Each structure stands twice: as C-alpha cells, then as structure tokens.
Amino acid sequence: MKTNTLNNKGFTLIELIMVTIILGILAAVAIPRYQATVKKAEEAAEKAVISSLRAGLETYATEMLMEKGRRSWPSNPFTGLETDVDGYNDKSYPDEDGMWTFGSTGDSTISHQRGDNTVTQWTYSQGNTTGNDAAPGFIGNLNNGANDND
C-alpha cells in the first residue's frame, strides 16, 4: 500500500519573519543595557586607577618626608609611582582606548580615553613645596577641579 504524505521539513516565511522580529526586539533592549554596563565598568576602573594613584602619591609624600623632612608630591603624578599605570603614555593627548596621559592640555590635567573615544580628565596639583604653608597636592574630581578624596 502506498501512502501519499507530504514532507514539510522547513519553516514558513511567516515563521522566519516572526523570529527575526523577536530577535530585533531583544537586540533593541539588550544593546543599550550592554553599553550602560560597559560605561559603568569603565567608570569603576578609572576610579580604581585614580584611587591607586592617590595612594601611591601619599606613599611618595611619606618617603619625601623621611628623606627631606617635608611631604611633597612630584610635578608629574605618574613619575612618583613605583609601578607604571597600565596605559600611561607621555604623549600630548590620549588617542587610543585605555590611554592615560598627564599635562595633555598644557596644564596639570590627568586624562584618560575611554572605549567610546570620550576623554575624561582630573585636575592635579603638586601642592606647595616651599615655605611654612607647604603641603602635598590633590587630584580633583572627574572633569572638574574640586578636591576629591574618596
């Protein structure tokens, strides 16, 4: 006996269109969340580097106190560290993802280029190294000059 069955071994055009639409909706929701997560991760990494930089400069200031009798910070914050900061370059301006520079705008500014090509900056002050009011410097807040010690 011969049976006459049809073999439907594929998807219909409507099914393929529906799957494409669903994937498009998922991508429209997921991509902005991913980008926000990447931005937060870069901010956290920058904060960690700046925090480590401050700690290293405090160690430098303590060493200067022991050596010269006065706490001081170096004119370039990156030169006072025992280990190099990943991505530090003495170029004039950060032009690669993850690059850190100092003095790139002609002043005392620490700059970092993020993965989205935006450049973030912190002001740096060596402090006053002479006289009765001698004091080590500070690293300011992100993109402004207020003193930030957190």
N, C-alpha and C. Protein backbone atom coordinates (compact mmCIF):
# COMPACT_ATOMS: atom_id res chain seq x y z
N MET A 1 0.82 -1.16 0.00
CA MET A 1 0.00 0.00 0.00
C MET A 1 0.88 1.25 0.00
N LYS A 2 0.56 2.15 -0.81
CA LYS A 2 1.35 3.36 -0.99
C LYS A 2 0.65 4.52 -0.27
N THR A 3 1.45 5.25 0.60
CA THR A 3 0.87 6.42 1.28
C THR A 3 1.36 7.68 0.61
N ASN A 4 0.54 8.63 0.59
CA ASN A 4 0.86 9.89 -0.06
C ASN A 4 0.99 10.97 1.03
N THR A 5 2.13 11.01 1.74
CA THR A 5 2.34 12.00 2.80
C THR A 5 3.28 13.08 2.29
N LEU A 6 3.02 14.26 2.73
CA LEU A 6 3.89 15.39 2.37
C LEU A 6 4.95 15.57 3.45
N ASN A 7 6.14 15.82 3.05
CA ASN A 7 7.23 16.08 4.00
C ASN A 7 7.44 17.59 4.09
N ASN A 8 6.96 18.17 5.15
CA ASN A 8 7.20 19.60 5.39
C ASN A 8 8.36 19.71 6.36
N LYS A 9 9.56 19.90 5.84
CA LYS A 9 10.76 19.93 6.68
C LYS A 9 11.38 21.32 6.75
N GLY A 10 10.61 22.35 6.80
CA GLY A 10 11.17 23.69 6.84
C GLY A 10 10.25 24.64 7.57
N PHE A 11 10.69 25.88 7.65
CA PHE A 11 9.89 26.92 8.28
C PHE A 11 9.18 27.71 7.20
N THR A 12 8.04 28.21 7.54
CA THR A 12 7.32 29.06 6.59
C THR A 12 7.92 30.46 6.64
N LEU A 13 7.62 31.24 5.67
CA LEU A 13 8.12 32.61 5.62
C LEU A 13 7.61 33.42 6.80
N ILE A 14 6.40 33.22 7.19
CA ILE A 14 5.82 33.93 8.33
C ILE A 14 6.58 33.58 9.61
N GLU A 15 6.92 32.32 9.81
CA GLU A 15 7.67 31.92 10.99
C GLU A 15 9.05 32.58 11.02
N LEU A 16 9.71 32.63 9.90
CA LEU A 16 11.03 33.27 9.83
C LEU A 16 10.94 34.77 10.11
N ILE A 17 9.92 35.41 9.59
CA ILE A 17 9.74 36.85 9.84
C ILE A 17 9.48 37.09 11.32
N MET A 18 8.66 36.27 11.94
CA MET A 18 8.35 36.43 13.36
C MET A 18 9.61 36.26 14.23
N VAL A 19 10.42 35.28 13.91
CA VAL A 19 11.67 35.07 14.66
C VAL A 19 12.59 36.27 14.48
N THR A 20 12.68 36.81 13.29
CA THR A 20 13.51 37.99 13.02
C THR A 20 13.02 39.18 13.82
N ILE A 21 11.71 39.36 13.89
CA ILE A 21 11.14 40.47 14.65
C ILE A 21 11.45 40.31 16.14
N ILE A 22 11.30 39.11 16.66
CA ILE A 22 11.59 38.86 18.08
C ILE A 22 13.06 39.11 18.38
N LEU A 23 13.94 38.66 17.52
CA LEU A 23 15.38 38.91 17.73
C LEU A 23 15.69 40.40 17.67
N GLY A 24 15.03 41.12 16.78
CA GLY A 24 15.22 42.57 16.69
C GLY A 24 14.79 43.27 17.97
N ILE A 25 13.67 42.85 18.53
CA ILE A 25 13.19 43.45 19.79
C ILE A 25 14.16 43.15 20.92
N LEU A 26 14.63 41.92 21.01
CA LEU A 26 15.60 41.56 22.05
C LEU A 26 16.89 42.38 21.92
N ALA A 27 17.36 42.56 20.69
CA ALA A 27 18.58 43.34 20.47
C ALA A 27 18.36 44.80 20.84
N ALA A 28 17.18 45.34 20.53
CA ALA A 28 16.87 46.74 20.86
C ALA A 28 16.88 46.97 22.36
N VAL A 29 16.53 45.95 23.13
CA VAL A 29 16.54 46.08 24.59
C VAL A 29 17.94 45.80 25.14
N ALA A 30 18.63 44.81 24.62
CA ALA A 30 19.90 44.36 25.19
C ALA A 30 21.07 45.30 24.90
N ILE A 31 21.13 45.87 23.71
CA ILE A 31 22.29 46.69 23.35
C ILE A 31 22.45 47.92 24.24
N PRO A 32 21.40 48.72 24.50
CA PRO A 32 21.60 49.86 25.41
C PRO A 32 22.00 49.43 26.82
N ARG A 33 21.45 48.32 27.30
CA ARG A 33 21.84 47.84 28.63
C ARG A 33 23.31 47.42 28.64
N TYR A 34 23.76 46.80 27.59
CA TYR A 34 25.17 46.39 27.48
C TYR A 34 26.07 47.62 27.48
N GLN A 35 25.69 48.64 26.70
CA GLN A 35 26.51 49.84 26.64
C GLN A 35 26.56 50.55 27.98
N ALA A 36 25.44 50.57 28.70
CA ALA A 36 25.43 51.18 30.03
C ALA A 36 26.34 50.41 30.99
N THR A 37 26.34 49.10 30.87
CA THR A 37 27.19 48.27 31.72
C THR A 37 28.67 48.52 31.41
N VAL A 38 29.01 48.65 30.14
CA VAL A 38 30.39 48.93 29.75
C VAL A 38 30.82 50.28 30.30
N LYS A 39 29.94 51.28 30.21
CA LYS A 39 30.27 52.62 30.71
C LYS A 39 30.51 52.58 32.21
N LYS A 40 29.65 51.88 32.95
CA LYS A 40 29.83 51.78 34.40
C LYS A 40 31.12 51.05 34.74
N ALA A 41 31.46 50.04 33.98
CA ALA A 41 32.70 49.31 34.22
C ALA A 41 33.92 50.21 33.98
N GLU A 42 33.88 51.02 32.93
CA GLU A 42 34.99 51.95 32.67
C GLU A 42 35.10 52.98 33.78
N GLU A 43 33.97 53.49 34.25
CA GLU A 43 33.99 54.46 35.35
C GLU A 43 34.59 53.84 36.60
N ALA A 44 34.21 52.60 36.89
CA ALA A 44 34.75 51.92 38.08
C ALA A 44 36.25 51.69 37.93
N ALA A 45 36.70 51.32 36.74
CA ALA A 45 38.13 51.10 36.51
C ALA A 45 38.90 52.41 36.66
N GLU A 46 38.35 53.51 36.12
CA GLU A 46 39.00 54.81 36.27
C GLU A 46 39.10 55.22 37.74
N LYS A 47 38.01 55.01 38.46
CA LYS A 47 38.01 55.36 39.88
C LYS A 47 39.07 54.55 40.63
N ALA A 48 39.22 53.29 40.27
CA ALA A 48 40.23 52.45 40.91
C ALA A 48 41.64 52.94 40.59
N VAL A 49 41.88 53.34 39.35
CA VAL A 49 43.21 53.84 38.97
C VAL A 49 43.51 55.14 39.71
N ILE A 50 42.54 56.05 39.76
CA ILE A 50 42.75 57.32 40.44
C ILE A 50 42.97 57.09 41.93
N SER A 51 42.22 56.17 42.50
CA SER A 51 42.39 55.84 43.92
C SER A 51 43.78 55.27 44.17
N SER A 52 44.23 54.38 43.32
CA SER A 52 45.59 53.83 43.44
C SER A 52 46.65 54.90 43.24
N LEU A 53 46.38 55.81 42.33
CA LEU A 53 47.31 56.91 42.08
C LEU A 53 47.44 57.78 43.33
N ARG A 54 46.31 58.08 43.96
CA ARG A 54 46.34 58.86 45.21
C ARG A 54 47.14 58.13 46.29
N ALA A 55 46.88 56.83 46.42
CA ALA A 55 47.60 56.05 47.44
C ALA A 55 49.10 56.04 47.17
N GLY A 56 49.46 55.88 45.90
CA GLY A 56 50.88 55.90 45.53
C GLY A 56 51.53 57.24 45.80
N LEU A 57 50.78 58.32 45.56
CA LEU A 57 51.32 59.66 45.81
C LEU A 57 51.45 59.93 47.31
N GLU A 58 50.56 59.37 48.10
CA GLU A 58 50.69 59.50 49.56
C GLU A 58 51.93 58.76 50.05
N THR A 59 52.19 57.60 49.47
CA THR A 59 53.41 56.86 49.81
C THR A 59 54.64 57.67 49.41
N TYR A 60 54.58 58.28 48.22
CA TYR A 60 55.68 59.13 47.75
C TYR A 60 55.89 60.29 48.72
N ALA A 61 54.78 60.91 49.16
CA ALA A 61 54.89 62.05 50.08
C ALA A 61 55.51 61.62 51.41
N THR A 62 55.15 60.44 51.87
CA THR A 62 55.74 59.94 53.12
C THR A 62 57.24 59.68 52.95
N GLU A 63 57.63 59.14 51.80
CA GLU A 63 59.04 58.93 51.52
C GLU A 63 59.79 60.25 51.47
N MET A 64 59.18 61.28 50.88
CA MET A 64 59.82 62.60 50.83
C MET A 64 59.95 63.19 52.23
N LEU A 65 58.98 62.93 53.09
CA LEU A 65 59.04 63.39 54.47
C LEU A 65 60.23 62.76 55.18
N MET A 66 60.42 61.46 54.98
CA MET A 66 61.54 60.76 55.62
C MET A 66 62.88 61.22 55.04
N GLU A 67 62.89 61.48 53.74
CA GLU A 67 64.15 61.83 53.07
C GLU A 67 64.52 63.30 53.23
N LYS A 68 63.53 64.19 53.08
CA LYS A 68 63.82 65.63 53.04
C LYS A 68 63.17 66.43 54.17
N GLY A 69 62.35 65.75 55.00
CA GLY A 69 61.73 66.45 56.11
C GLY A 69 60.46 67.20 55.73
N ARG A 70 59.96 66.99 54.53
CA ARG A 70 58.76 67.70 54.08
C ARG A 70 57.99 66.82 53.12
N ARG A 71 56.67 66.72 53.35
CA ARG A 71 55.83 65.93 52.44
C ARG A 71 55.64 66.71 51.14
N SER A 72 55.79 66.03 50.02
CA SER A 72 55.57 66.69 48.72
C SER A 72 55.17 65.65 47.68
N TRP A 73 54.50 66.13 46.66
CA TRP A 73 54.12 65.29 45.52
C TRP A 73 54.97 65.69 44.33
N PRO A 74 55.20 64.79 43.37
CA PRO A 74 56.02 65.12 42.19
C PRO A 74 55.25 66.03 41.22
N SER A 75 55.99 66.65 40.33
CA SER A 75 55.33 67.52 39.34
C SER A 75 54.47 66.72 38.37
N ASN A 76 54.86 65.48 38.07
CA ASN A 76 54.05 64.58 37.24
C ASN A 76 53.62 63.42 38.14
N PRO A 77 52.31 63.23 38.35
CA PRO A 77 51.87 62.20 39.28
C PRO A 77 52.29 60.78 38.90
N PHE A 78 52.51 60.52 37.63
CA PHE A 78 52.86 59.18 37.18
C PHE A 78 54.33 58.85 37.45
N THR A 79 55.18 59.87 37.56
CA THR A 79 56.60 59.61 37.79
C THR A 79 56.91 59.30 39.24
N GLY A 80 55.99 59.59 40.15
CA GLY A 80 56.22 59.33 41.56
C GLY A 80 55.84 57.93 41.99
N LEU A 81 55.37 57.11 41.07
CA LEU A 81 54.91 55.77 41.41
C LEU A 81 56.01 54.74 41.19
N GLU A 82 55.99 53.70 42.01
CA GLU A 82 56.98 52.63 41.85
C GLU A 82 56.67 51.76 40.64
N THR A 83 55.39 51.53 40.36
CA THR A 83 54.99 50.73 39.20
C THR A 83 54.20 51.61 38.25
N ASP A 84 54.33 51.32 36.97
CA ASP A 84 53.64 52.11 35.96
C ASP A 84 52.15 51.80 35.93
N VAL A 85 51.37 52.81 35.59
CA VAL A 85 49.93 52.63 35.38
C VAL A 85 49.74 52.05 33.99
N ASP A 86 48.96 50.98 33.90
CA ASP A 86 48.68 50.38 32.59
C ASP A 86 48.08 51.42 31.66
N GLY A 87 48.68 51.60 30.51
CA GLY A 87 48.16 52.54 29.52
C GLY A 87 48.74 53.94 29.62
N TYR A 88 49.63 54.21 30.61
CA TYR A 88 50.21 55.55 30.71
C TYR A 88 51.17 55.78 29.57
N ASN A 89 51.07 56.95 28.98
CA ASN A 89 51.93 57.34 27.88
C ASN A 89 52.21 58.82 28.04
N ASP A 90 53.43 59.25 27.77
CA ASP A 90 53.75 60.67 27.92
C ASP A 90 53.45 61.46 26.65
N LYS A 91 52.55 60.94 25.82
CA LYS A 91 52.11 61.67 24.63
C LYS A 91 51.37 62.93 25.05
N SER A 92 51.14 63.77 24.07
CA SER A 92 50.49 65.04 24.39
C SER A 92 49.00 64.89 24.68
N TYR A 93 48.34 63.89 24.09
CA TYR A 93 46.90 63.74 24.31
C TYR A 93 46.53 62.27 24.12
N PRO A 94 45.63 61.74 24.92
CA PRO A 94 45.28 60.33 24.75
C PRO A 94 44.56 60.10 23.43
N ASP A 95 45.09 59.22 22.59
CA ASP A 95 44.47 58.98 21.29
C ASP A 95 44.20 57.50 21.04
N GLU A 96 44.27 56.69 22.10
CA GLU A 96 43.97 55.27 21.99
C GLU A 96 43.10 54.88 23.17
N ASP A 97 42.28 53.87 22.99
CA ASP A 97 41.44 53.38 24.07
C ASP A 97 42.30 52.94 25.25
N GLY A 98 41.94 53.39 26.44
CA GLY A 98 42.65 52.98 27.65
C GLY A 98 43.92 53.77 27.94
N MET A 99 44.24 54.77 27.13
CA MET A 99 45.48 55.52 27.32
C MET A 99 45.30 56.58 28.42
N TRP A 100 46.31 56.69 29.27
CA TRP A 100 46.38 57.72 30.31
C TRP A 100 47.51 58.68 29.95
N THR A 101 47.28 59.98 30.12
CA THR A 101 48.33 60.98 29.89
C THR A 101 48.28 62.02 31.00
N PHE A 102 49.33 62.82 31.08
CA PHE A 102 49.37 63.93 32.03
C PHE A 102 49.84 65.18 31.32
N GLY A 103 49.20 66.30 31.63
CA GLY A 103 49.59 67.58 31.06
C GLY A 103 49.27 67.71 29.59
N SER A 104 48.28 66.95 29.12
CA SER A 104 47.98 66.92 27.69
C SER A 104 47.34 68.20 27.18
N THR A 105 46.73 68.98 28.07
CA THR A 105 46.08 70.21 27.62
C THR A 105 46.92 71.43 27.98
N GLY A 106 48.19 71.21 28.28
CA GLY A 106 49.08 72.32 28.60
C GLY A 106 49.00 72.73 30.06
N ASP A 107 48.17 72.08 30.83
CA ASP A 107 48.08 72.37 32.25
C ASP A 107 48.27 71.08 33.04
N SER A 108 47.98 71.12 34.29
CA SER A 108 48.16 69.93 35.15
C SER A 108 46.89 69.09 35.14
N THR A 109 46.69 68.36 34.08
CA THR A 109 45.48 67.56 33.92
C THR A 109 45.84 66.11 33.63
N ILE A 110 45.21 65.20 34.37
CA ILE A 110 45.32 63.77 34.11
C ILE A 110 44.18 63.42 33.17
N SER A 111 44.49 62.79 32.03
CA SER A 111 43.47 62.46 31.03
C SER A 111 43.44 60.96 30.76
N HIS A 112 42.25 60.45 30.45
CA HIS A 112 42.07 59.04 30.11
C HIS A 112 41.07 58.93 28.97
N GLN A 113 41.41 58.14 27.96
CA GLN A 113 40.48 57.91 26.86
C GLN A 113 39.74 56.60 27.08
N ARG A 114 38.41 56.69 27.04
CA ARG A 114 37.57 55.51 27.23
C ARG A 114 37.38 54.79 25.90
N GLY A 115 36.75 53.62 25.98
CA GLY A 115 36.50 52.80 24.80
C GLY A 115 35.57 53.45 23.79
N ASP A 116 34.73 54.41 24.23
CA ASP A 116 33.84 55.09 23.30
C ASP A 116 34.46 56.37 22.76
N ASN A 117 35.77 56.53 22.93
CA ASN A 117 36.57 57.66 22.45
C ASN A 117 36.32 58.97 23.19
N THR A 118 35.60 58.95 24.30
CA THR A 118 35.49 60.16 25.11
C THR A 118 36.71 60.24 26.02
N VAL A 119 37.12 61.45 26.31
CA VAL A 119 38.28 61.67 27.16
C VAL A 119 37.81 62.27 28.48
N THR A 120 38.17 61.62 29.57
CA THR A 120 37.83 62.13 30.90
C THR A 120 39.08 62.73 31.52
N GLN A 121 38.88 63.73 32.39
CA GLN A 121 40.03 64.45 32.94
C GLN A 121 39.85 64.73 34.42
N TRP A 122 40.98 64.81 35.12
CA TRP A 122 41.05 65.19 36.52
C TRP A 122 42.13 66.24 36.64
N THR A 123 41.91 67.26 37.45
CA THR A 123 42.97 68.24 37.70
C THR A 123 43.94 67.65 38.71
N TYR A 124 45.18 68.06 38.59
CA TYR A 124 46.22 67.60 39.50
C TYR A 124 46.99 68.81 40.00
N SER A 125 47.23 68.84 41.29
CA SER A 125 48.04 69.90 41.87
C SER A 125 49.19 69.26 42.64
N GLN A 126 50.38 69.71 42.35
CA GLN A 126 51.56 69.22 43.06
C GLN A 126 51.55 69.71 44.50
N GLY A 127 50.86 70.79 44.76
CA GLY A 127 50.85 71.39 46.09
C GLY A 127 51.96 72.40 46.22
N ASN A 128 52.10 72.94 47.39
CA ASN A 128 53.13 73.93 47.67
C ASN A 128 54.29 73.23 48.37
N THR A 129 55.45 73.28 47.76
CA THR A 129 56.59 72.52 48.30
C THR A 129 57.57 73.37 49.10
N THR A 130 57.28 74.67 49.25
CA THR A 130 58.21 75.53 49.99
C THR A 130 57.44 76.37 51.01
N GLY A 131 58.18 76.94 51.93
CA GLY A 131 57.59 77.86 52.91
C GLY A 131 56.87 77.15 54.05
N ASN A 132 56.29 77.99 54.93
CA ASN A 132 55.60 77.46 56.11
C ASN A 132 54.28 76.79 55.76
N ASP A 133 53.70 77.14 54.63
CA ASP A 133 52.41 76.55 54.25
C ASP A 133 52.58 75.40 53.26
N ALA A 134 53.73 74.75 53.28
CA ALA A 134 53.98 73.62 52.37
C ALA A 134 53.00 72.49 52.66
N ALA A 135 52.45 71.95 51.60
CA ALA A 135 51.50 70.84 51.72
C ALA A 135 51.47 70.07 50.41
N PRO A 136 51.25 68.75 50.50
CA PRO A 136 51.15 67.99 49.26
C PRO A 136 49.89 68.39 48.48
N GLY A 137 49.83 67.95 47.26
CA GLY A 137 48.76 68.36 46.36
C GLY A 137 47.49 67.55 46.48
N PHE A 138 46.73 67.55 45.38
CA PHE A 138 45.48 66.80 45.33
C PHE A 138 45.17 66.43 43.89
N ILE A 139 44.31 65.45 43.76
CA ILE A 139 43.74 65.10 42.46
C ILE A 139 42.27 65.45 42.55
N GLY A 140 41.80 66.29 41.63
CA GLY A 140 40.42 66.77 41.67
C GLY A 140 39.42 65.72 41.21
N ASN A 141 38.15 66.10 41.29
CA ASN A 141 37.06 65.25 40.82
C ASN A 141 37.14 65.05 39.31
N LEU A 142 36.44 64.06 38.84
CA LEU A 142 36.33 63.81 37.41
C LEU A 142 35.77 65.04 36.71
N ASN A 143 36.50 65.58 35.74
CA ASN A 143 36.09 66.70 34.89
C ASN A 143 35.87 68.02 35.61
N ASN A 144 36.26 68.15 36.86
CA ASN A 144 36.25 69.47 37.49
C ASN A 144 37.36 69.56 38.50
N GLY A 145 37.59 70.72 39.03
CA GLY A 145 38.76 70.94 39.86
C GLY A 145 38.54 70.82 41.35
N ALA A 146 37.37 70.44 41.80
CA ALA A 146 37.14 70.35 43.25
C ALA A 146 37.97 69.20 43.84
N ASN A 147 38.40 69.39 45.07
CA ASN A 147 39.20 68.38 45.72
C ASN A 147 38.32 67.17 46.03
N ASP A 148 38.78 65.98 45.64
CA ASP A 148 38.02 64.75 45.84
C ASP A 148 38.92 63.73 46.49
N ASN A 149 38.60 63.36 47.70
CA ASN A 149 39.45 62.41 48.41
C ASN A 149 38.75 61.10 48.71
N ASP A 150 37.71 60.74 47.95
CA ASP A 150 37.02 59.46 48.22
C ASP A 150 37.61 58.33 47.42
